[in-house]
Amino acid sequence: MIGEWAWALIIGFLISFTSAVWVNADAEALEIEAPHRGLWVVIVFLFPILGLLLYYAIGRRQAWNPPERMLDRVPEMKTCKFCRRTLASDAIWCDTCGRSLQ
């Protein structure tokens, strides 16, 4: 009925498809941006074994680098106990009144 080559194609397609779905879900959970996530899905679908190896070696490393939105966080601040001016968290002296904050 269905030849051995057809079963090999069906199994290969299922492996490619499930690998691509898993990579998409994993990249989404790691908050990798959409264009990069789509590229990894296509690579893994077309070349399952090589794609998975590359995804583990390179793609998951993208998630380790903090996104730019994390780098733009507002630094912590503290208040001078004498003049109530807001200062940087590492300030030792108040810029306004000149008193020591320690």
PDB file of N, CA and C in Angstrom:
ATOM      1  N   MET A   1       0.825  -1.185   0.000  1.00  0.00           N
ATOM      2  CA  MET A   1       0.000   0.000   0.000  1.00  0.00           C
ATOM      3  C   MET A   1       0.873   1.255   0.000  1.00  0.00           C
ATOM      4  N   ILE A   2       1.400   1.620   1.138  1.00  0.00           N
ATOM      5  CA  ILE A   2       2.315   2.750   1.207  1.00  0.00           C
ATOM      6  C   ILE A   2       3.720   2.172   1.325  1.00  0.00           C
ATOM      7  N   GLY A   3       4.606   2.637   0.463  1.00  0.00           N
ATOM      8  CA  GLY A   3       5.962   2.111   0.454  1.00  0.00           C
ATOM      9  C   GLY A   3       6.768   2.578   1.656  1.00  0.00           C
ATOM     10  N   GLU A   4       7.915   1.957   1.824  1.00  0.00           N
ATOM     11  CA  GLU A   4       8.789   2.311   2.938  1.00  0.00           C
ATOM     12  C   GLU A   4       9.278   3.749   2.832  1.00  0.00           C
ATOM     13  N   TRP A   5       9.531   4.233   1.624  1.00  0.00           N
ATOM     14  CA  TRP A   5       9.989   5.609   1.444  1.00  0.00           C
ATOM     15  C   TRP A   5       8.924   6.601   1.879  1.00  0.00           C
ATOM     16  N   ALA A   6       7.654   6.247   1.667  1.00  0.00           N
ATOM     17  CA  ALA A   6       6.569   7.138   2.063  1.00  0.00           C
ATOM     18  C   ALA A   6       6.495   7.235   3.589  1.00  0.00           C
ATOM     19  N   TRP A   7       6.679   6.108   4.267  1.00  0.00           N
ATOM     20  CA  TRP A   7       6.668   6.143   5.735  1.00  0.00           C
ATOM     21  C   TRP A   7       7.833   6.973   6.262  1.00  0.00           C
ATOM     22  N   ALA A   8       8.975   6.847   5.608  1.00  0.00           N
ATOM     23  CA  ALA A   8      10.140   7.640   6.020  1.00  0.00           C
ATOM     24  C   ALA A   8       9.867   9.128   5.836  1.00  0.00           C
ATOM     25  N   LEU A   9       9.210   9.510   4.746  1.00  0.00           N
ATOM     26  CA  LEU A   9       8.850  10.920   4.532  1.00  0.00           C
ATOM     27  C   LEU A   9       7.839  11.419   5.567  1.00  0.00           C
ATOM     28  N   ILE A  10       6.859  10.587   5.876  1.00  0.00           N
ATOM     29  CA  ILE A  10       5.836  10.973   6.863  1.00  0.00           C
ATOM     30  C   ILE A  10       6.471  11.145   8.237  1.00  0.00           C
ATOM     31  N   ILE A  11       7.314  10.207   8.633  1.00  0.00           N
ATOM     32  CA  ILE A  11       7.971  10.298   9.937  1.00  0.00           C
ATOM     33  C   ILE A  11       8.921  11.490   9.978  1.00  0.00           C
ATOM     34  N   GLY A  12       9.660  11.712   8.892  1.00  0.00           N
ATOM     35  CA  GLY A  12      10.548  12.876   8.824  1.00  0.00           C
ATOM     36  C   GLY A  12       9.779  14.186   8.929  1.00  0.00           C
ATOM     37  N   PHE A  13       8.632  14.263   8.246  1.00  0.00           N
ATOM     38  CA  PHE A  13       7.803  15.470   8.338  1.00  0.00           C
ATOM     39  C   PHE A  13       7.289  15.666   9.761  1.00  0.00           C
ATOM     40  N   LEU A  14       6.841  14.599  10.412  1.00  0.00           N
ATOM     41  CA  LEU A  14       6.347  14.711  11.790  1.00  0.00           C
ATOM     42  C   LEU A  14       7.444  15.156  12.744  1.00  0.00           C
ATOM     43  N   ILE A  15       8.650  14.648  12.561  1.00  0.00           N
ATOM     44  CA  ILE A  15       9.776  15.061  13.405  1.00  0.00           C
ATOM     45  C   ILE A  15      10.086  16.542  13.172  1.00  0.00           C
ATOM     46  N   SER A  16      10.115  16.953  11.912  1.00  0.00           N
ATOM     47  CA  SER A  16      10.384  18.363  11.595  1.00  0.00           C
ATOM     48  C   SER A  16       9.310  19.270  12.182  1.00  0.00           C
ATOM     49  N   PHE A  17       8.065  18.875  12.017  1.00  0.00           N
ATOM     50  CA  PHE A  17       6.952  19.696  12.492  1.00  0.00           C
ATOM     51  C   PHE A  17       6.955  19.821  14.013  1.00  0.00           C
ATOM     52  N   THR A  18       7.105  18.692  14.713  1.00  0.00           N
ATOM     53  CA  THR A  18       7.095  18.760  16.177  1.00  0.00           C
ATOM     54  C   THR A  18       8.320  19.502  16.713  1.00  0.00           C
ATOM     55  N   SER A  19       9.456  19.360  16.047  1.00  0.00           N
ATOM     56  CA  SER A  19      10.648  20.115  16.471  1.00  0.00           C
ATOM     57  C   SER A  19      10.425  21.609  16.305  1.00  0.00           C
ATOM     58  N   ALA A  20       9.834  22.006  15.188  1.00  0.00           N
ATOM     59  CA  ALA A  20       9.573  23.426  14.943  1.00  0.00           C
ATOM     60  C   ALA A  20       8.561  23.988  15.944  1.00  0.00           C
ATOM     61  N   VAL A  21       7.538  23.218  16.265  1.00  0.00           N
ATOM     62  CA  VAL A  21       6.547  23.667  17.255  1.00  0.00           C
ATOM     63  C   VAL A  21       7.202  23.805  18.625  1.00  0.00           C
ATOM     64  N   TRP A  22       8.054  22.852  18.990  1.00  0.00           N
ATOM     65  CA  TRP A  22       8.721  22.931  20.285  1.00  0.00           C
ATOM     66  C   TRP A  22       9.658  24.130  20.360  1.00  0.00           C
ATOM     67  N   VAL A  23      10.431  24.373  19.291  1.00  0.00           N
ATOM     68  CA  VAL A  23      11.351  25.517  19.279  1.00  0.00           C
ATOM     69  C   VAL A  23      10.571  26.816  19.399  1.00  0.00           C
ATOM     70  N   ASN A  24       9.438  26.920  18.709  1.00  0.00           N
ATOM     71  CA  ASN A  24       8.623  28.133  18.808  1.00  0.00           C
ATOM     72  C   ASN A  24       8.135  28.338  20.238  1.00  0.00           C
ATOM     73  N   ALA A  25       7.640  27.290  20.874  1.00  0.00           N
ATOM     74  CA  ALA A  25       7.144  27.418  22.247  1.00  0.00           C
ATOM     75  C   ALA A  25       8.280  27.752  23.216  1.00  0.00           C
ATOM     76  N   ASP A  26       9.430  27.130  23.032  1.00  0.00           N
ATOM     77  CA  ASP A  26      10.564  27.388  23.903  1.00  0.00           C
ATOM     78  C   ASP A  26      11.087  28.813  23.725  1.00  0.00           C
ATOM     79  N   ALA A  27      11.200  29.260  22.480  1.00  0.00           N
ATOM     80  CA  ALA A  27      11.672  30.621  22.216  1.00  0.00           C
ATOM     81  C   ALA A  27      10.686  31.660  22.742  1.00  0.00           C
ATOM     82  N   GLU A  28       9.413  31.359  22.655  1.00  0.00           N
ATOM     83  CA  GLU A  28       8.406  32.276  23.189  1.00  0.00           C
ATOM     84  C   GLU A  28       8.484  32.333  24.713  1.00  0.00           C
ATOM     85  N   ALA A  29       8.706  31.201  25.352  1.00  0.00           N
ATOM     86  CA  ALA A  29       8.842  31.172  26.810  1.00  0.00           C
ATOM     87  C   ALA A  29      10.096  31.921  27.267  1.00  0.00           C
ATOM     88  N   LEU A  30      11.146  31.888  26.447  1.00  0.00           N
ATOM     89  CA  LEU A  30      12.379  32.596  26.776  1.00  0.00           C
ATOM     90  C   LEU A  30      12.339  34.061  26.345  1.00  0.00           C
ATOM     91  N   GLU A  31      11.212  34.477  25.774  1.00  0.00           N
ATOM     92  CA  GLU A  31      10.973  35.852  25.336  1.00  0.00           C
ATOM     93  C   GLU A  31      11.954  36.300  24.257  1.00  0.00           C
ATOM     94  N   ILE A  32      12.265  35.400  23.339  1.00  0.00           N
ATOM     95  CA  ILE A  32      13.060  35.769  22.168  1.00  0.00           C
ATOM     96  C   ILE A  32      12.128  36.508  21.221  1.00  0.00           C
ATOM     97  N   GLU A  33      12.597  37.586  20.616  1.00  0.00           N
ATOM     98  CA  GLU A  33      11.759  38.427  19.774  1.00  0.00           C
ATOM     99  C   GLU A  33      11.214  37.639  18.588  1.00  0.00           C
ATOM    100  N   ALA A  34      10.046  38.078  18.106  1.00  0.00           N
ATOM    101  CA  ALA A  34       9.316  37.350  17.069  1.00  0.00           C
ATOM    102  C   ALA A  34      10.104  37.113  15.784  1.00  0.00           C
ATOM    103  N   PRO A  35      10.809  38.090  15.216  1.00  0.00           N
ATOM    104  CA  PRO A  35      11.527  37.780  13.961  1.00  0.00           C
ATOM    105  C   PRO A  35      12.587  36.699  14.143  1.00  0.00           C
ATOM    106  N   HIS A  36      13.299  36.739  15.252  1.00  0.00           N
ATOM    107  CA  HIS A  36      14.316  35.711  15.503  1.00  0.00           C
ATOM    108  C   HIS A  36      13.669  34.360  15.771  1.00  0.00           C
ATOM    109  N   ARG A  37      12.562  34.385  16.486  1.00  0.00           N
ATOM    110  CA  ARG A  37      11.850  33.140  16.799  1.00  0.00           C
ATOM    111  C   ARG A  37      11.376  32.478  15.507  1.00  0.00           C
ATOM    112  N   GLY A  38      10.833  33.257  14.584  1.00  0.00           N
ATOM    113  CA  GLY A  38      10.371  32.705  13.310  1.00  0.00           C
ATOM    114  C   GLY A  38      11.502  32.139  12.479  1.00  0.00           C
ATOM    115  N   LEU A  39      12.631  32.802  12.506  1.00  0.00           N
ATOM    116  CA  LEU A  39      13.791  32.301  11.772  1.00  0.00           C
ATOM    117  C   LEU A  39      14.239  30.950  12.321  1.00  0.00           C
ATOM    118  N   TRP A  40      14.252  30.819  13.651  1.00  0.00           N
ATOM    119  CA  TRP A  40      14.646  29.537  14.241  1.00  0.00           C
ATOM    120  C   TRP A  40      13.644  28.445  13.904  1.00  0.00           C
ATOM    121  N   VAL A  41      12.374  28.777  13.846  1.00  0.00           N
ATOM    122  CA  VAL A  41      11.358  27.779  13.494  1.00  0.00           C
ATOM    123  C   VAL A  41      11.583  27.276  12.073  1.00  0.00           C
ATOM    124  N   VAL A  42      11.858  28.183  11.147  1.00  0.00           N
ATOM    125  CA  VAL A  42      12.093  27.780   9.758  1.00  0.00           C
ATOM    126  C   VAL A  42      13.355  26.925   9.641  1.00  0.00           C
ATOM    127  N   ILE A  43      14.419  27.333  10.320  1.00  0.00           N
ATOM    128  CA  ILE A  43      15.672  26.560  10.267  1.00  0.00           C
ATOM    129  C   ILE A  43      15.457  25.156  10.820  1.00  0.00           C
ATOM    130  N   VAL A  44      14.776  25.052  11.954  1.00  0.00           N
ATOM    131  CA  VAL A  44      14.566  23.737  12.573  1.00  0.00           C
ATOM    132  C   VAL A  44      13.615  22.889  11.729  1.00  0.00           C
ATOM    133  N   PHE A  45      12.643  23.509  11.078  1.00  0.00           N
ATOM    134  CA  PHE A  45      11.728  22.736  10.234  1.00  0.00           C
ATOM    135  C   PHE A  45      12.459  22.172   9.014  1.00  0.00           C
ATOM    136  N   LEU A  46      13.313  22.975   8.387  1.00  0.00           N
ATOM    137  CA  LEU A  46      14.000  22.524   7.180  1.00  0.00           C
ATOM    138  C   LEU A  46      15.151  21.557   7.469  1.00  0.00           C
ATOM    139  N   PHE A  47      15.857  21.792   8.569  1.00  0.00           N
ATOM    140  CA  PHE A  47      17.006  20.959   8.941  1.00  0.00           C
ATOM    141  C   PHE A  47      16.878  20.571  10.412  1.00  0.00           C
ATOM    142  N   PRO A  48      16.072  19.556  10.742  1.00  0.00           N
ATOM    143  CA  PRO A  48      15.742  19.274  12.144  1.00  0.00           C
ATOM    144  C   PRO A  48      16.936  19.020  13.055  1.00  0.00           C
ATOM    145  N   ILE A  49      17.819  18.133  12.690  1.00  0.00           N
ATOM    146  CA  ILE A  49      18.919  17.787  13.590  1.00  0.00           C
ATOM    147  C   ILE A  49      19.911  18.940  13.703  1.00  0.00           C
ATOM    148  N   LEU A  50      20.363  19.437  12.568  1.00  0.00           N
ATOM    149  CA  LEU A  50      21.292  20.568  12.576  1.00  0.00           C
ATOM    150  C   LEU A  50      20.639  21.808  13.195  1.00  0.00           C
ATOM    151  N   GLY A  51      19.373  22.032  12.878  1.00  0.00           N
ATOM    152  CA  GLY A  51      18.655  23.187  13.425  1.00  0.00           C
ATOM    153  C   GLY A  51      18.539  23.147  14.937  1.00  0.00           C
ATOM    154  N   LEU A  52      18.231  21.977  15.489  1.00  0.00           N
ATOM    155  CA  LEU A  52      18.143  21.861  16.949  1.00  0.00           C
ATOM    156  C   LEU A  52      19.499  22.081  17.609  1.00  0.00           C
ATOM    157  N   LEU A  53      20.541  21.543  16.993  1.00  0.00           N
ATOM    158  CA  LEU A  53      21.882  21.758  17.544  1.00  0.00           C
ATOM    159  C   LEU A  53      22.257  23.240  17.518  1.00  0.00           C
ATOM    160  N   LEU A  54      21.974  23.907  16.415  1.00  0.00           N
ATOM    161  CA  LEU A  54      22.265  25.342  16.325  1.00  0.00           C
ATOM    162  C   LEU A  54      21.407  26.155  17.284  1.00  0.00           C
ATOM    163  N   TYR A  55      20.143  25.750  17.430  1.00  0.00           N
ATOM    164  CA  TYR A  55      19.259  26.471  18.350  1.00  0.00           C
ATOM    165  C   TYR A  55      19.789  26.383  19.784  1.00  0.00           C
ATOM    166  N   TYR A  56      20.227  25.199  20.185  1.00  0.00           N
ATOM    167  CA  TYR A  56      20.780  25.055  21.530  1.00  0.00           C
ATOM    168  C   TYR A  56      22.094  25.804  21.692  1.00  0.00           C
ATOM    169  N   ALA A  57      22.911  25.824  20.654  1.00  0.00           N
ATOM    170  CA  ALA A  57      24.221  26.473  20.751  1.00  0.00           C
ATOM    171  C   ALA A  57      24.133  27.990  20.627  1.00  0.00           C
ATOM    172  N   ILE A  58      23.245  28.486  19.767  1.00  0.00           N
ATOM    173  CA  ILE A  58      23.204  29.921  19.487  1.00  0.00           C
ATOM    174  C   ILE A  58      21.891  30.560  19.917  1.00  0.00           C
ATOM    175  N   GLY A  59      20.778  29.964  19.549  1.00  0.00           N
ATOM    176  CA  GLY A  59      19.465  30.586  19.748  1.00  0.00           C
ATOM    177  C   GLY A  59      19.094  30.813  21.197  1.00  0.00           C
ATOM    178  N   ARG A  60      19.338  29.834  22.032  1.00  0.00           N
ATOM    179  CA  ARG A  60      18.986  30.004  23.445  1.00  0.00           C
ATOM    180  C   ARG A  60      19.874  31.024  24.128  1.00  0.00           C
ATOM    181  N   ARG A  61      21.052  31.269  23.568  1.00  0.00           N
ATOM    182  CA  ARG A  61      21.946  32.269  24.124  1.00  0.00           C
ATOM    183  C   ARG A  61      21.373  33.681  23.970  1.00  0.00           C
ATOM    184  N   GLN A  62      20.499  33.877  22.973  1.00  0.00           N
ATOM    185  CA  GLN A  62      19.845  35.174  22.782  1.00  0.00           C
ATOM    186  C   GLN A  62      19.016  35.538  24.007  1.00  0.00           C
ATOM    187  N   ALA A  63      18.440  34.550  24.642  1.00  0.00           N
ATOM    188  CA  ALA A  63      17.608  34.815  25.811  1.00  0.00           C
ATOM    189  C   ALA A  63      18.443  35.175  27.027  1.00  0.00           C
ATOM    190  N   TRP A  64      19.712  34.801  27.031  1.00  0.00           N
ATOM    191  CA  TRP A  64      20.568  35.116  28.179  1.00  0.00           C
ATOM    192  C   TRP A  64      20.954  36.578  28.212  1.00  0.00           C
ATOM    193  N   ASN A  65      21.031  37.212  27.052  1.00  0.00           N
ATOM    194  CA  ASN A  65      21.359  38.638  27.010  1.00  0.00           C
ATOM    195  C   ASN A  65      20.132  39.430  27.424  1.00  0.00           C
ATOM    196  N   PRO A  66      20.286  40.351  28.366  1.00  0.00           N
ATOM    197  CA  PRO A  66      19.106  41.103  28.798  1.00  0.00           C
ATOM    198  C   PRO A  66      18.590  41.989  27.673  1.00  0.00           C
ATOM    199  N   PRO A  67      17.275  42.034  27.487  1.00  0.00           N
ATOM    200  CA  PRO A  67      16.726  42.901  26.460  1.00  0.00           C
ATOM    201  C   PRO A  67      16.999  44.368  26.775  1.00  0.00           C
ATOM    202  N   GLU A  68      16.917  45.213  25.773  1.00  0.00           N
ATOM    203  CA  GLU A  68      17.220  46.627  25.960  1.00  0.00           C
ATOM    204  C   GLU A  68      16.272  47.279  26.955  1.00  0.00           C
ATOM    205  N   ARG A  69      15.045  46.776  27.044  1.00  0.00           N
ATOM    206  CA  ARG A  69      14.104  47.382  27.988  1.00  0.00           C
ATOM    207  C   ARG A  69      14.557  47.182  29.437  1.00  0.00           C
ATOM    208  N   MET A  70      15.329  46.113  29.691  1.00  0.00           N
ATOM    209  CA  MET A  70      15.851  45.887  31.032  1.00  0.00           C
ATOM    210  C   MET A  70      17.020  46.818  31.331  1.00  0.00           C
ATOM    211  N   LEU A  71      17.759  47.204  30.284  1.00  0.00           N
ATOM    212  CA  LEU A  71      18.898  48.088  30.473  1.00  0.00           C
ATOM    213  C   LEU A  71      18.466  49.535  30.702  1.00  0.00           C
ATOM    214  N   ASP A  72      17.250  49.874  30.297  1.00  0.00           N
ATOM    215  CA  ASP A  72      16.755  51.238  30.430  1.00  0.00           C
ATOM    216  C   ASP A  72      15.991  51.471  31.728  1.00  0.00           C
ATOM    217  N   ARG A  73      16.144  50.589  32.699  1.00  0.00           N
ATOM    218  CA  ARG A  73      15.426  50.756  33.967  1.00  0.00           C
ATOM    219  C   ARG A  73      15.897  52.007  34.702  1.00  0.00           C
ATOM    220  N   VAL A  74      15.000  52.602  35.425  1.00  0.00           N
ATOM    221  CA  VAL A  74      15.323  53.784  36.219  1.00  0.00           C
ATOM    222  C   VAL A  74      16.138  53.338  37.423  1.00  0.00           C
ATOM    223  N   PRO A  75      17.271  53.984  37.692  1.00  0.00           N
ATOM    224  CA  PRO A  75      18.076  53.569  38.841  1.00  0.00           C
ATOM    225  C   PRO A  75      17.357  53.877  40.156  1.00  0.00           C
ATOM    226  N   GLU A  76      17.701  53.137  41.183  1.00  0.00           N
ATOM    227  CA  GLU A  76      17.101  53.366  42.488  1.00  0.00           C
ATOM    228  C   GLU A  76      17.563  54.716  43.026  1.00  0.00           C
ATOM    229  N   MET A  77      16.696  55.365  43.774  1.00  0.00           N
ATOM    230  CA  MET A  77      16.989  56.693  44.298  1.00  0.00           C
ATOM    231  C   MET A  77      16.842  56.671  45.819  1.00  0.00           C
ATOM    232  N   LYS A  78      17.465  57.650  46.484  1.00  0.00           N
ATOM    233  CA  LYS A  78      17.257  57.825  47.913  1.00  0.00           C
ATOM    234  C   LYS A  78      17.070  59.314  48.183  1.00  0.00           C
ATOM    235  N   THR A  79      16.571  59.623  49.350  1.00  0.00           N
ATOM    236  CA  THR A  79      16.237  61.008  49.704  1.00  0.00           C
ATOM    237  C   THR A  79      17.179  61.502  50.794  1.00  0.00           C
ATOM    238  N   CYS A  80      17.621  62.766  50.646  1.00  0.00           N
ATOM    239  CA  CYS A  80      18.444  63.386  51.680  1.00  0.00           C
ATOM    240  C   CYS A  80      17.587  63.584  52.924  1.00  0.00           C
ATOM    241  N   LYS A  81      18.098  63.174  54.076  1.00  0.00           N
ATOM    242  CA  LYS A  81      17.318  63.290  55.311  1.00  0.00           C
ATOM    243  C   LYS A  81      17.278  64.715  55.852  1.00  0.00           C
ATOM    244  N   PHE A  82      18.067  65.617  55.278  1.00  0.00           N
ATOM    245  CA  PHE A  82      18.087  67.001  55.748  1.00  0.00           C
ATOM    246  C   PHE A  82      17.232  67.920  54.871  1.00  0.00           C
ATOM    247  N   CYS A  83      17.409  67.848  53.557  1.00  0.00           N
ATOM    248  CA  CYS A  83      16.677  68.770  52.682  1.00  0.00           C
ATOM    249  C   CYS A  83      15.620  68.073  51.828  1.00  0.00           C
ATOM    250  N   ARG A  84      15.487  66.776  51.928  1.00  0.00           N
ATOM    251  CA  ARG A  84      14.493  65.961  51.222  1.00  0.00           C
ATOM    252  C   ARG A  84      14.639  65.972  49.703  1.00  0.00           C
ATOM    253  N   ARG A  85      15.841  66.220  49.219  1.00  0.00           N
ATOM    254  CA  ARG A  85      16.106  66.182  47.783  1.00  0.00           C
ATOM    255  C   ARG A  85      16.341  64.728  47.368  1.00  0.00           C
ATOM    256  N   THR A  86      15.864  64.357  46.176  1.00  0.00           N
ATOM    257  CA  THR A  86      16.051  63.011  45.658  1.00  0.00           C
ATOM    258  C   THR A  86      17.439  62.904  45.040  1.00  0.00           C
ATOM    259  N   LEU A  87      18.171  61.857  45.456  1.00  0.00           N
ATOM    260  CA  LEU A  87      19.551  61.660  45.002  1.00  0.00           C
ATOM    261  C   LEU A  87      19.722  60.241  44.478  1.00  0.00           C
ATOM    262  N   ALA A  88      20.825  60.015  43.810  1.00  0.00           N
ATOM    263  CA  ALA A  88      21.149  58.665  43.346  1.00  0.00           C
ATOM    264  C   ALA A  88      21.387  57.751  44.550  1.00  0.00           C
ATOM    265  N   SER A  89      21.170  56.470  44.357  1.00  0.00           N
ATOM    266  CA  SER A  89      21.284  55.534  45.476  1.00  0.00           C
ATOM    267  C   SER A  89      22.709  55.410  46.000  1.00  0.00           C
ATOM    268  N   ASP A  90      23.720  55.747  45.209  1.00  0.00           N
ATOM    269  CA  ASP A  90      25.107  55.625  45.658  1.00  0.00           C
ATOM    270  C   ASP A  90      25.706  56.962  46.113  1.00  0.00           C
ATOM    271  N   ALA A  91      24.874  57.997  46.251  1.00  0.00           N
ATOM    272  CA  ALA A  91      25.377  59.314  46.664  1.00  0.00           C
ATOM    273  C   ALA A  91      25.835  59.281  48.119  1.00  0.00           C
ATOM    274  N   ILE A  92      26.957  59.946  48.386  1.00  0.00           N
ATOM    275  CA  ILE A  92      27.496  60.034  49.743  1.00  0.00           C
ATOM    276  C   ILE A  92      27.202  61.407  50.334  1.00  0.00           C
ATOM    277  N   TRP A  93      27.212  62.425  49.476  1.00  0.00           N
ATOM    278  CA  TRP A  93      26.957  63.804  49.882  1.00  0.00           C
ATOM    279  C   TRP A  93      25.731  64.317  49.138  1.00  0.00           C
ATOM    280  N   CYS A  94      24.964  65.175  49.761  1.00  0.00           N
ATOM    281  CA  CYS A  94      23.822  65.814  49.113  1.00  0.00           C
ATOM    282  C   CYS A  94      24.329  66.963  48.242  1.00  0.00           C
ATOM    283  N   ASP A  95      23.875  67.050  47.016  1.00  0.00           N
ATOM    284  CA  ASP A  95      24.283  68.105  46.100  1.00  0.00           C
ATOM    285  C   ASP A  95      23.721  69.465  46.506  1.00  0.00           C
ATOM    286  N   THR A  96      22.586  69.466  47.193  1.00  0.00           N
ATOM    287  CA  THR A  96      21.926  70.725  47.540  1.00  0.00           C
ATOM    288  C   THR A  96      22.441  71.309  48.838  1.00  0.00           C
ATOM    289  N   CYS A  97      22.394  70.536  49.929  1.00  0.00           N
ATOM    290  CA  CYS A  97      22.766  71.073  51.234  1.00  0.00           C
ATOM    291  C   CYS A  97      24.220  70.770  51.604  1.00  0.00           C
ATOM    292  N   GLY A  98      24.888  69.837  50.905  1.00  0.00           N
ATOM    293  CA  GLY A  98      26.291  69.545  51.154  1.00  0.00           C
ATOM    294  C   GLY A  98      26.560  68.678  52.353  1.00  0.00           C
ATOM    295  N   ARG A  99      25.543  68.142  52.974  1.00  0.00           N
ATOM    296  CA  ARG A  99      25.744  67.311  54.178  1.00  0.00           C
ATOM    297  C   ARG A  99      26.004  65.850  53.807  1.00  0.00           C
ATOM    298  N   SER A 100      26.655  65.183  54.693  1.00  0.00           N
ATOM    299  CA  SER A 100      26.958  63.771  54.505  1.00  0.00           C
ATOM    300  C   SER A 100      25.693  62.955  54.715  1.00  0.00           C
ATOM    301  N   LEU A 101      25.484  61.964  53.892  1.00  0.00           N
ATOM    302  CA  LEU A 101      24.282  61.117  53.999  1.00  0.00           C
ATOM    303  C   LEU A 101      24.519  59.871  54.843  1.00  0.00           C
ATOM    304  N   GLN A 102      25.725  59.738  55.381  1.00  0.00           N
ATOM    305  CA  GLN A 102      26.027  58.519  56.145  1.00  0.00           C
ATOM    306  C   GLN A 102      25.844  58.718  57.623  1.00  0.00           C
TER     307      GLN A 102
END
